[in-house]
Amino acid sequence: MQIEIPKGYEALGEVLQHAVNQAAGGKGKDRHASGEPFEQQKICRIARAVGLGFPLGQAEKKIEESLRLGTRGPDELLGAINYLAAACIVMIENQPENRTR
């Protein structure tokens, strides 16, 4: 899937691409993926099992950590973006029009 970035939103697109790269490679891939698509990984499975407090709490934790880590802070914020994306995926799945009967 290719995402079209509107003019003037290139910086946002770049940050989101870094978040995808972090989830798909490196620590995210090594610790969590096991070859599964993002929406089937622990990050979403746990949110489905215990609720949205899980990914939202993890995002908050990463945000707080980013403030004390200095130059490594942006990496923590990318992780927070990925937890928020997981929350969005699960929220969208739970909308009445997306539920299977």
PDB file of N, CA and C in Angstrom:
ATOM      1  N   MET A   1       0.843  -1.171   0.000  1.00  0.00           N
ATOM      2  CA  MET A   1       0.000   0.000   0.000  1.00  0.00           C
ATOM      3  C   MET A   1       0.887   1.233   0.000  1.00  0.00           C
ATOM      4  N   GLN A   2       0.598   2.109  -0.894  1.00  0.00           N
ATOM      5  CA  GLN A   2       1.321   3.379  -0.983  1.00  0.00           C
ATOM      6  C   GLN A   2       0.404   4.469  -0.440  1.00  0.00           C
ATOM      7  N   ILE A   3       0.897   5.250   0.502  1.00  0.00           N
ATOM      8  CA  ILE A   3       0.102   6.323   1.085  1.00  0.00           C
ATOM      9  C   ILE A   3       0.471   7.626   0.398  1.00  0.00           C
ATOM     10  N   GLU A   4      -0.538   8.348  -0.038  1.00  0.00           N
ATOM     11  CA  GLU A   4      -0.312   9.645  -0.658  1.00  0.00           C
ATOM     12  C   GLU A   4      -0.247  10.711   0.429  1.00  0.00           C
ATOM     13  N   ILE A   5       0.833  11.449   0.449  1.00  0.00           N
ATOM     14  CA  ILE A   5       1.028  12.506   1.441  1.00  0.00           C
ATOM     15  C   ILE A   5       0.711  13.846   0.780  1.00  0.00           C
ATOM     16  N   PRO A   6      -0.314  14.543   1.280  1.00  0.00           N
ATOM     17  CA  PRO A   6      -0.639  15.843   0.703  1.00  0.00           C
ATOM     18  C   PRO A   6       0.501  16.848   0.887  1.00  0.00           C
ATOM     19  N   LYS A   7       0.598  17.771  -0.043  1.00  0.00           N
ATOM     20  CA  LYS A   7       1.607  18.825   0.036  1.00  0.00           C
ATOM     21  C   LYS A   7       1.454  19.554   1.366  1.00  0.00           C
ATOM     22  N   GLY A   8       2.564  19.772   2.020  1.00  0.00           N
ATOM     23  CA  GLY A   8       2.560  20.447   3.303  1.00  0.00           C
ATOM     24  C   GLY A   8       2.532  19.492   4.488  1.00  0.00           C
ATOM     25  N   TYR A   9       2.355  18.196   4.227  1.00  0.00           N
ATOM     26  CA  TYR A   9       2.292  17.191   5.291  1.00  0.00           C
ATOM     27  C   TYR A   9       3.443  16.184   5.189  1.00  0.00           C
ATOM     28  N   GLU A  10       4.481  16.567   4.457  1.00  0.00           N
ATOM     29  CA  GLU A  10       5.615  15.663   4.250  1.00  0.00           C
ATOM     30  C   GLU A  10       6.323  15.315   5.558  1.00  0.00           C
ATOM     31  N   ALA A  11       6.476  16.271   6.455  1.00  0.00           N
ATOM     32  CA  ALA A  11       7.155  16.002   7.733  1.00  0.00           C
ATOM     33  C   ALA A  11       6.359  14.993   8.561  1.00  0.00           C
ATOM     34  N   LEU A  12       5.038  15.129   8.562  1.00  0.00           N
ATOM     35  CA  LEU A  12       4.199  14.163   9.260  1.00  0.00           C
ATOM     36  C   LEU A  12       4.340  12.784   8.629  1.00  0.00           C
ATOM     37  N   GLY A  13       4.306  12.723   7.319  1.00  0.00           N
ATOM     38  CA  GLY A  13       4.473  11.447   6.621  1.00  0.00           C
ATOM     39  C   GLY A  13       5.798  10.789   6.950  1.00  0.00           C
ATOM     40  N   GLU A  14       6.842  11.595   7.067  1.00  0.00           N
ATOM     41  CA  GLU A  14       8.166  11.066   7.398  1.00  0.00           C
ATOM     42  C   GLU A  14       8.187  10.460   8.803  1.00  0.00           C
ATOM     43  N   VAL A  15       7.576  11.141   9.766  1.00  0.00           N
ATOM     44  CA  VAL A  15       7.516  10.614  11.137  1.00  0.00           C
ATOM     45  C   VAL A  15       6.728   9.311  11.159  1.00  0.00           C
ATOM     46  N   LEU A  16       5.583   9.287  10.482  1.00  0.00           N
ATOM     47  CA  LEU A  16       4.772   8.067  10.465  1.00  0.00           C
ATOM     48  C   LEU A  16       5.518   6.922   9.783  1.00  0.00           C
ATOM     49  N   GLN A  17       6.288   7.226   8.747  1.00  0.00           N
ATOM     50  CA  GLN A  17       7.093   6.186   8.096  1.00  0.00           C
ATOM     51  C   GLN A  17       8.150   5.645   9.052  1.00  0.00           C
ATOM     52  N   HIS A  18       8.753   6.510   9.853  1.00  0.00           N
ATOM     53  CA  HIS A  18       9.722   6.050  10.853  1.00  0.00           C
ATOM     54  C   HIS A  18       9.046   5.133  11.874  1.00  0.00           C
ATOM     55  N   ALA A  19       7.814   5.464  12.261  1.00  0.00           N
ATOM     56  CA  ALA A  19       7.085   4.610  13.209  1.00  0.00           C
ATOM     57  C   ALA A  19       6.811   3.237  12.594  1.00  0.00           C
ATOM     58  N   VAL A  20       6.412   3.209  11.339  1.00  0.00           N
ATOM     59  CA  VAL A  20       6.192   1.933  10.649  1.00  0.00           C
ATOM     60  C   VAL A  20       7.491   1.148  10.580  1.00  0.00           C
ATOM     61  N   ASN A  21       8.571   1.820  10.237  1.00  0.00           N
ATOM     62  CA  ASN A  21       9.866   1.144  10.144  1.00  0.00           C
ATOM     63  C   ASN A  21      10.279   0.566  11.492  1.00  0.00           C
ATOM     64  N   GLN A  22      10.014   1.299  12.574  1.00  0.00           N
ATOM     65  CA  GLN A  22      10.361   0.801  13.902  1.00  0.00           C
ATOM     66  C   GLN A  22       9.556  -0.449  14.237  1.00  0.00           C
ATOM     67  N   ALA A  23       8.270  -0.437  13.922  1.00  0.00           N
ATOM     68  CA  ALA A  23       7.418  -1.594  14.223  1.00  0.00           C
ATOM     69  C   ALA A  23       7.782  -2.797  13.359  1.00  0.00           C
ATOM     70  N   ALA A  24       8.101  -2.546  12.099  1.00  0.00           N
ATOM     71  CA  ALA A  24       8.354  -3.628  11.149  1.00  0.00           C
ATOM     72  C   ALA A  24       9.778  -4.165  11.208  1.00  0.00           C
ATOM     73  N   GLY A  25      10.675  -3.413  11.791  1.00  0.00           N
ATOM     74  CA  GLY A  25      12.070  -3.830  11.850  1.00  0.00           C
ATOM     75  C   GLY A  25      12.633  -3.561  13.223  1.00  0.00           C
ATOM     76  N   GLY A  26      13.835  -3.949  13.434  1.00  0.00           N
ATOM     77  CA  GLY A  26      14.497  -3.669  14.702  1.00  0.00           C
ATOM     78  C   GLY A  26      13.810  -4.289  15.889  1.00  0.00           C
ATOM     79  N   LYS A  27      13.742  -3.535  16.989  1.00  0.00           N
ATOM     80  CA  LYS A  27      13.217  -4.022  18.265  1.00  0.00           C
ATOM     81  C   LYS A  27      11.777  -4.523  18.144  1.00  0.00           C
ATOM     82  N   GLY A  28      10.928  -3.788  17.444  1.00  0.00           N
ATOM     83  CA  GLY A  28       9.538  -4.197  17.301  1.00  0.00           C
ATOM     84  C   GLY A  28       9.411  -5.556  16.640  1.00  0.00           C
ATOM     85  N   LYS A  29      10.148  -5.735  15.569  1.00  0.00           N
ATOM     86  CA  LYS A  29      10.103  -7.014  14.852  1.00  0.00           C
ATOM     87  C   LYS A  29      10.698  -8.130  15.704  1.00  0.00           C
ATOM     88  N   ASP A  30      11.849  -7.864  16.317  1.00  0.00           N
ATOM     89  CA  ASP A  30      12.544  -8.888  17.099  1.00  0.00           C
ATOM     90  C   ASP A  30      11.735  -9.335  18.307  1.00  0.00           C
ATOM     91  N   ARG A  31      11.109  -8.393  18.989  1.00  0.00           N
ATOM     92  CA  ARG A  31      10.423  -8.716  20.239  1.00  0.00           C
ATOM     93  C   ARG A  31       8.974  -9.146  20.066  1.00  0.00           C
ATOM     94  N   HIS A  32       8.313  -8.659  19.015  1.00  0.00           N
ATOM     95  CA  HIS A  32       6.858  -8.803  18.994  1.00  0.00           C
ATOM     96  C   HIS A  32       6.257  -9.451  17.750  1.00  0.00           C
ATOM     97  N   ALA A  33       6.919  -9.400  16.620  1.00  0.00           N
ATOM     98  CA  ALA A  33       6.259  -9.753  15.363  1.00  0.00           C
ATOM     99  C   ALA A  33       6.049 -11.245  15.145  1.00  0.00           C
ATOM    100  N   SER A  34       7.069 -12.050  15.259  1.00  0.00           N
ATOM    101  CA  SER A  34       6.986 -13.485  14.964  1.00  0.00           C
ATOM    102  C   SER A  34       6.400 -13.733  13.577  1.00  0.00           C
ATOM    103  N   GLY A  35       6.645 -12.832  12.652  1.00  0.00           N
ATOM    104  CA  GLY A  35       6.159 -12.981  11.286  1.00  0.00           C
ATOM    105  C   GLY A  35       4.692 -12.642  11.084  1.00  0.00           C
ATOM    106  N   GLU A  36       4.015 -12.179  12.114  1.00  0.00           N
ATOM    107  CA  GLU A  36       2.590 -11.860  12.023  1.00  0.00           C
ATOM    108  C   GLU A  36       2.379 -10.426  11.544  1.00  0.00           C
ATOM    109  N   PRO A  37       1.251 -10.171  10.864  1.00  0.00           N
ATOM    110  CA  PRO A  37       0.898  -8.788  10.532  1.00  0.00           C
ATOM    111  C   PRO A  37       0.686  -7.982  11.812  1.00  0.00           C
ATOM    112  N   PHE A  38       0.851  -6.688  11.744  1.00  0.00           N
ATOM    113  CA  PHE A  38       0.752  -5.808  12.905  1.00  0.00           C
ATOM    114  C   PHE A  38      -0.532  -6.054  13.689  1.00  0.00           C
ATOM    115  N   GLU A  39      -1.658  -6.139  12.982  1.00  0.00           N
ATOM    116  CA  GLU A  39      -2.944  -6.265  13.676  1.00  0.00           C
ATOM    117  C   GLU A  39      -3.143  -7.624  14.341  1.00  0.00           C
ATOM    118  N   GLN A  40      -2.246  -8.571  14.104  1.00  0.00           N
ATOM    119  CA  GLN A  40      -2.320  -9.882  14.764  1.00  0.00           C
ATOM    120  C   GLN A  40      -1.241 -10.055  15.838  1.00  0.00           C
ATOM    121  N   GLN A  41      -0.412  -9.045  16.012  1.00  0.00           N
ATOM    122  CA  GLN A  41       0.657  -9.107  17.009  1.00  0.00           C
ATOM    123  C   GLN A  41       0.118  -8.810  18.404  1.00  0.00           C
ATOM    124  N   LYS A  42       0.966  -9.084  19.398  1.00  0.00           N
ATOM    125  CA  LYS A  42       0.596  -8.867  20.807  1.00  0.00           C
ATOM    126  C   LYS A  42       0.035  -7.481  21.064  1.00  0.00           C
ATOM    127  N   ILE A  43       0.589  -6.492  20.416  1.00  0.00           N
ATOM    128  CA  ILE A  43       0.188  -5.107  20.645  1.00  0.00           C
ATOM    129  C   ILE A  43      -1.323  -4.928  20.447  1.00  0.00           C
ATOM    130  N   CYS A  44      -1.900  -5.619  19.473  1.00  0.00           N
ATOM    131  CA  CYS A  44      -3.346  -5.557  19.230  1.00  0.00           C
ATOM    132  C   CYS A  44      -4.092  -6.670  19.959  1.00  0.00           C
ATOM    133  N   ARG A  45      -3.506  -7.856  20.032  1.00  0.00           N
ATOM    134  CA  ARG A  45      -4.180  -8.978  20.712  1.00  0.00           C
ATOM    135  C   ARG A  45      -4.453  -8.660  22.173  1.00  0.00           C
ATOM    136  N   ILE A  46      -3.468  -8.070  22.861  1.00  0.00           N
ATOM    137  CA  ILE A  46      -3.660  -7.736  24.273  1.00  0.00           C
ATOM    138  C   ILE A  46      -4.723  -6.652  24.415  1.00  0.00           C
ATOM    139  N   ALA A  47      -4.712  -5.672  23.521  1.00  0.00           N
ATOM    140  CA  ALA A  47      -5.729  -4.615  23.572  1.00  0.00           C
ATOM    141  C   ALA A  47      -7.125  -5.202  23.401  1.00  0.00           C
ATOM    142  N   ARG A  48      -7.264  -6.192  22.534  1.00  0.00           N
ATOM    143  CA  ARG A  48      -8.571  -6.841  22.362  1.00  0.00           C
ATOM    144  C   ARG A  48      -8.958  -7.609  23.626  1.00  0.00           C
ATOM    145  N   ALA A  49      -7.974  -8.231  24.261  1.00  0.00           N
ATOM    146  CA  ALA A  49      -8.253  -9.083  25.423  1.00  0.00           C
ATOM    147  C   ALA A  49      -8.556  -8.278  26.683  1.00  0.00           C
ATOM    148  N   VAL A  50      -7.815  -7.208  26.928  1.00  0.00           N
ATOM    149  CA  VAL A  50      -7.956  -6.503  28.207  1.00  0.00           C
ATOM    150  C   VAL A  50      -8.488  -5.080  28.067  1.00  0.00           C
ATOM    151  N   GLY A  51      -8.599  -4.597  26.857  1.00  0.00           N
ATOM    152  CA  GLY A  51      -9.153  -3.267  26.649  1.00  0.00           C
ATOM    153  C   GLY A  51      -8.134  -2.246  26.179  1.00  0.00           C
ATOM    154  N   LEU A  52      -8.651  -1.094  25.819  1.00  0.00           N
ATOM    155  CA  LEU A  52      -7.819  -0.027  25.246  1.00  0.00           C
ATOM    156  C   LEU A  52      -6.907   0.643  26.258  1.00  0.00           C
ATOM    157  N   GLY A  53      -7.140   0.395  27.542  1.00  0.00           N
ATOM    158  CA  GLY A  53      -6.228   0.937  28.545  1.00  0.00           C
ATOM    159  C   GLY A  53      -4.809   0.432  28.354  1.00  0.00           C
ATOM    160  N   PHE A  54      -4.680  -0.788  27.805  1.00  0.00           N
ATOM    161  CA  PHE A  54      -3.332  -1.333  27.583  1.00  0.00           C
ATOM    162  C   PHE A  54      -2.525  -0.487  26.599  1.00  0.00           C
ATOM    163  N   PRO A  55      -2.968  -0.335  25.348  1.00  0.00           N
ATOM    164  CA  PRO A  55      -2.123   0.439  24.436  1.00  0.00           C
ATOM    165  C   PRO A  55      -2.026   1.911  24.811  1.00  0.00           C
ATOM    166  N   LEU A  56      -3.104   2.464  25.392  1.00  0.00           N
ATOM    167  CA  LEU A  56      -3.056   3.874  25.780  1.00  0.00           C
ATOM    168  C   LEU A  56      -2.097   4.086  26.953  1.00  0.00           C
ATOM    169  N   GLY A  57      -2.093   3.155  27.905  1.00  0.00           N
ATOM    170  CA  GLY A  57      -1.152   3.237  29.019  1.00  0.00           C
ATOM    171  C   GLY A  57       0.286   3.067  28.567  1.00  0.00           C
ATOM    172  N   GLN A  58       0.500   2.138  27.642  1.00  0.00           N
ATOM    173  CA  GLN A  58       1.849   1.933  27.106  1.00  0.00           C
ATOM    174  C   GLN A  58       2.330   3.182  26.364  1.00  0.00           C
ATOM    175  N   ALA A  59       1.419   3.810  25.608  1.00  0.00           N
ATOM    176  CA  ALA A  59       1.786   5.041  24.901  1.00  0.00           C
ATOM    177  C   ALA A  59       2.163   6.129  25.901  1.00  0.00           C
ATOM    178  N   GLU A  60       1.380   6.250  26.967  1.00  0.00           N
ATOM    179  CA  GLU A  60       1.686   7.255  27.995  1.00  0.00           C
ATOM    180  C   GLU A  60       3.051   6.991  28.624  1.00  0.00           C
ATOM    181  N   LYS A  61       3.338   5.731  28.906  1.00  0.00           N
ATOM    182  CA  LYS A  61       4.631   5.370  29.483  1.00  0.00           C
ATOM    183  C   LYS A  61       5.773   5.769  28.540  1.00  0.00           C
ATOM    184  N   LYS A  62       5.602   5.491  27.262  1.00  0.00           N
ATOM    185  CA  LYS A  62       6.641   5.827  26.286  1.00  0.00           C
ATOM    186  C   LYS A  62       6.814   7.340  26.173  1.00  0.00           C
ATOM    187  N   ILE A  63       5.712   8.072  26.255  1.00  0.00           N
ATOM    188  CA  ILE A  63       5.796   9.535  26.204  1.00  0.00           C
ATOM    189  C   ILE A  63       6.608  10.051  27.383  1.00  0.00           C
ATOM    190  N   GLU A  64       6.319   9.557  28.583  1.00  0.00           N
ATOM    191  CA  GLU A  64       7.075   9.968  29.768  1.00  0.00           C
ATOM    192  C   GLU A  64       8.551   9.601  29.641  1.00  0.00           C
ATOM    193  N   GLU A  65       8.824   8.396  29.142  1.00  0.00           N
ATOM    194  CA  GLU A  65      10.211   7.968  28.974  1.00  0.00           C
ATOM    195  C   GLU A  65      10.944   8.858  27.982  1.00  0.00           C
ATOM    196  N   SER A  66      10.238   9.325  26.943  1.00  0.00           N
ATOM    197  CA  SER A  66      10.887  10.156  25.920  1.00  0.00           C
ATOM    198  C   SER A  66      11.445  11.437  26.525  1.00  0.00           C
ATOM    199  N   LEU A  67      10.795  11.949  27.570  1.00  0.00           N
ATOM    200  CA  LEU A  67      11.222  13.205  28.178  1.00  0.00           C
ATOM    201  C   LEU A  67      12.533  13.063  28.944  1.00  0.00           C
ATOM    202  N   ARG A  68      12.818  11.892  29.447  1.00  0.00           N
ATOM    203  CA  ARG A  68      14.048  11.716  30.228  1.00  0.00           C
ATOM    204  C   ARG A  68      15.189  11.094  29.426  1.00  0.00           C
ATOM    205  N   LEU A  69      14.927  10.654  28.201  1.00  0.00           N
ATOM    206  CA  LEU A  69      15.953   9.944  27.439  1.00  0.00           C
ATOM    207  C   LEU A  69      16.748  10.820  26.479  1.00  0.00           C
ATOM    208  N   GLY A  70      16.457  12.080  26.417  1.00  0.00           N
ATOM    209  CA  GLY A  70      17.239  12.988  25.584  1.00  0.00           C
ATOM    210  C   GLY A  70      17.221  12.594  24.121  1.00  0.00           C
ATOM    211  N   THR A  71      18.391  12.297  23.565  1.00  0.00           N
ATOM    212  CA  THR A  71      18.487  12.020  22.128  1.00  0.00           C
ATOM    213  C   THR A  71      17.773  10.736  21.728  1.00  0.00           C
ATOM    214  N   ARG A  72      17.530   9.821  22.668  1.00  0.00           N
ATOM    215  CA  ARG A  72      16.783   8.593  22.357  1.00  0.00           C
ATOM    216  C   ARG A  72      15.281   8.799  22.509  1.00  0.00           C
ATOM    217  N   GLY A  73      14.888   9.969  22.964  1.00  0.00           N
ATOM    218  CA  GLY A  73      13.475  10.270  23.167  1.00  0.00           C
ATOM    219  C   GLY A  73      12.596  10.090  21.937  1.00  0.00           C
ATOM    220  N   PRO A  74      13.046  10.548  20.779  1.00  0.00           N
ATOM    221  CA  PRO A  74      12.202  10.362  19.592  1.00  0.00           C
ATOM    222  C   PRO A  74      11.877   8.892  19.302  1.00  0.00           C
ATOM    223  N   ASP A  75      12.785   7.982  19.592  1.00  0.00           N
ATOM    224  CA  ASP A  75      12.488   6.562  19.388  1.00  0.00           C
ATOM    225  C   ASP A  75      11.341   6.107  20.277  1.00  0.00           C
ATOM    226  N   GLU A  76      11.304   6.610  21.510  1.00  0.00           N
ATOM    227  CA  GLU A  76      10.197   6.264  22.409  1.00  0.00           C
ATOM    228  C   GLU A  76       8.888   6.835  21.885  1.00  0.00           C
ATOM    229  N   LEU A  77       8.934   8.033  21.322  1.00  0.00           N
ATOM    230  CA  LEU A  77       7.711   8.621  20.773  1.00  0.00           C
ATOM    231  C   LEU A  77       7.212   7.838  19.566  1.00  0.00           C
ATOM    232  N   LEU A  78       8.121   7.293  18.772  1.00  0.00           N
ATOM    233  CA  LEU A  78       7.699   6.436  17.663  1.00  0.00           C
ATOM    234  C   LEU A  78       6.987   5.197  18.199  1.00  0.00           C
ATOM    235  N   GLY A  79       7.500   4.650  19.304  1.00  0.00           N
ATOM    236  CA  GLY A  79       6.823   3.526  19.949  1.00  0.00           C
ATOM    237  C   GLY A  79       5.437   3.911  20.434  1.00  0.00           C
ATOM    238  N   ALA A  80       5.304   5.123  20.978  1.00  0.00           N
ATOM    239  CA  ALA A  80       3.998   5.611  21.421  1.00  0.00           C
ATOM    240  C   ALA A  80       3.039   5.709  20.241  1.00  0.00           C
ATOM    241  N   ILE A  81       3.530   6.181  19.119  1.00  0.00           N
ATOM    242  CA  ILE A  81       2.696   6.253  17.908  1.00  0.00           C
ATOM    243  C   ILE A  81       2.190   4.864  17.540  1.00  0.00           C
ATOM    244  N   ASN A  82       3.050   3.868  17.646  1.00  0.00           N
ATOM    245  CA  ASN A  82       2.650   2.504  17.296  1.00  0.00           C
ATOM    246  C   ASN A  82       1.607   1.955  18.275  1.00  0.00           C
ATOM    247  N   TYR A  83       1.741   2.259  19.557  1.00  0.00           N
ATOM    248  CA  TYR A  83       0.715   1.842  20.513  1.00  0.00           C
ATOM    249  C   TYR A  83      -0.604   2.555  20.226  1.00  0.00           C
ATOM    250  N   LEU A  84      -0.540   3.834  19.865  1.00  0.00           N
ATOM    251  CA  LEU A  84      -1.766   4.565  19.528  1.00  0.00           C
ATOM    252  C   LEU A  84      -2.399   4.002  18.251  1.00  0.00           C
ATOM    253  N   ALA A  85      -1.563   3.585  17.306  1.00  0.00           N
ATOM    254  CA  ALA A  85      -2.090   2.953  16.088  1.00  0.00           C
ATOM    255  C   ALA A  85      -2.814   1.659  16.432  1.00  0.00           C
ATOM    256  N   ALA A  86      -2.247   0.873  17.344  1.00  0.00           N
ATOM    257  CA  ALA A  86      -2.905  -0.365  17.773  1.00  0.00           C
ATOM    258  C   ALA A  86      -4.258  -0.047  18.401  1.00  0.00           C
ATOM    259  N   ALA A  87      -4.313   1.002  19.227  1.00  0.00           N
ATOM    260  CA  ALA A  87      -5.578   1.408  19.838  1.00  0.00           C
ATOM    261  C   ALA A  87      -6.585   1.805  18.755  1.00  0.00           C
ATOM    262  N   CYS A  88      -6.132   2.527  17.746  1.00  0.00           N
ATOM    263  CA  CYS A  88      -7.022   2.917  16.639  1.00  0.00           C
ATOM    264  C   CYS A  88      -7.559   1.691  15.913  1.00  0.00           C
ATOM    265  N   ILE A  89      -6.686   0.730  15.633  1.00  0.00           N
ATOM    266  CA  ILE A  89      -7.102  -0.494  14.932  1.00  0.00           C
ATOM    267  C   ILE A  89      -8.193  -1.205  15.713  1.00  0.00           C
ATOM    268  N   VAL A  90      -7.981  -1.374  17.007  1.00  0.00           N
ATOM    269  CA  VAL A  90      -8.954  -2.092  17.836  1.00  0.00           C
ATOM    270  C   VAL A  90     -10.249  -1.288  17.978  1.00  0.00           C
ATOM    271  N   MET A  91     -10.146   0.027  18.136  1.00  0.00           N
ATOM    272  CA  MET A  91     -11.352   0.865  18.221  1.00  0.00           C
ATOM    273  C   MET A  91     -12.177   0.769  16.948  1.00  0.00           C
ATOM    274  N   ILE A  92     -11.498   0.822  15.809  1.00  0.00           N
ATOM    275  CA  ILE A  92     -12.207   0.732  14.525  1.00  0.00           C
ATOM    276  C   ILE A  92     -12.867  -0.636  14.381  1.00  0.00           C
ATOM    277  N   GLU A  93     -12.164  -1.681  14.773  1.00  0.00           N
ATOM    278  CA  GLU A  93     -12.754  -3.024  14.726  1.00  0.00           C
ATOM    279  C   GLU A  93     -14.017  -3.111  15.575  1.00  0.00           C
ATOM    280  N   ASN A  94     -14.058  -2.388  16.679  1.00  0.00           N
ATOM    281  CA  ASN A  94     -15.173  -2.461  17.616  1.00  0.00           C
ATOM    282  C   ASN A  94     -16.354  -1.572  17.252  1.00  0.00           C
ATOM    283  N   GLN A  95     -16.221  -0.789  16.206  1.00  0.00           N
ATOM    284  CA  GLN A  95     -17.360   0.027  15.779  1.00  0.00           C
ATOM    285  C   GLN A  95     -18.453  -0.902  15.251  1.00  0.00           C
ATOM    286  N   PRO A  96     -19.695  -0.618  15.588  1.00  0.00           N
ATOM    287  CA  PRO A  96     -20.798  -1.520  15.216  1.00  0.00           C
ATOM    288  C   PRO A  96     -20.801  -1.920  13.738  1.00  0.00           C
ATOM    289  N   GLU A  97     -20.508  -1.005  12.863  1.00  0.00           N
ATOM    290  CA  GLU A  97     -20.548  -1.319  11.426  1.00  0.00           C
ATOM    291  C   GLU A  97     -19.410  -2.252  10.983  1.00  0.00           C
ATOM    292  N   ASN A  98     -18.396  -2.434  11.837  1.00  0.00           N
ATOM    293  CA  ASN A  98     -17.265  -3.302  11.504  1.00  0.00           C
ATOM    294  C   ASN A  98     -17.312  -4.659  12.194  1.00  0.00           C
ATOM    295  N   ARG A  99     -18.260  -4.854  13.086  1.00  0.00           N
ATOM    296  CA  ARG A  99     -18.374  -6.124  13.802  1.00  0.00           C
ATOM    297  C   ARG A  99     -19.065  -7.160  12.929  1.00  0.00           C
ATOM    298  N   THR A 100     -18.587  -8.388  13.036  1.00  0.00           N
ATOM    299  CA  THR A 100     -19.276  -9.477  12.351  1.00  0.00           C
ATOM    300  C   THR A 100     -20.402  -9.962  13.237  1.00  0.00           C
ATOM    301  N   ARG A 101     -21.451 -10.371  12.674  1.00  0.00           N
ATOM    302  CA  ARG A 101     -22.620 -10.803  13.459  1.00  0.00           C
ATOM    303  C   ARG A 101     -22.587 -12.277  13.708  1.00  0.00           C
TER     304      ARG A 101
END
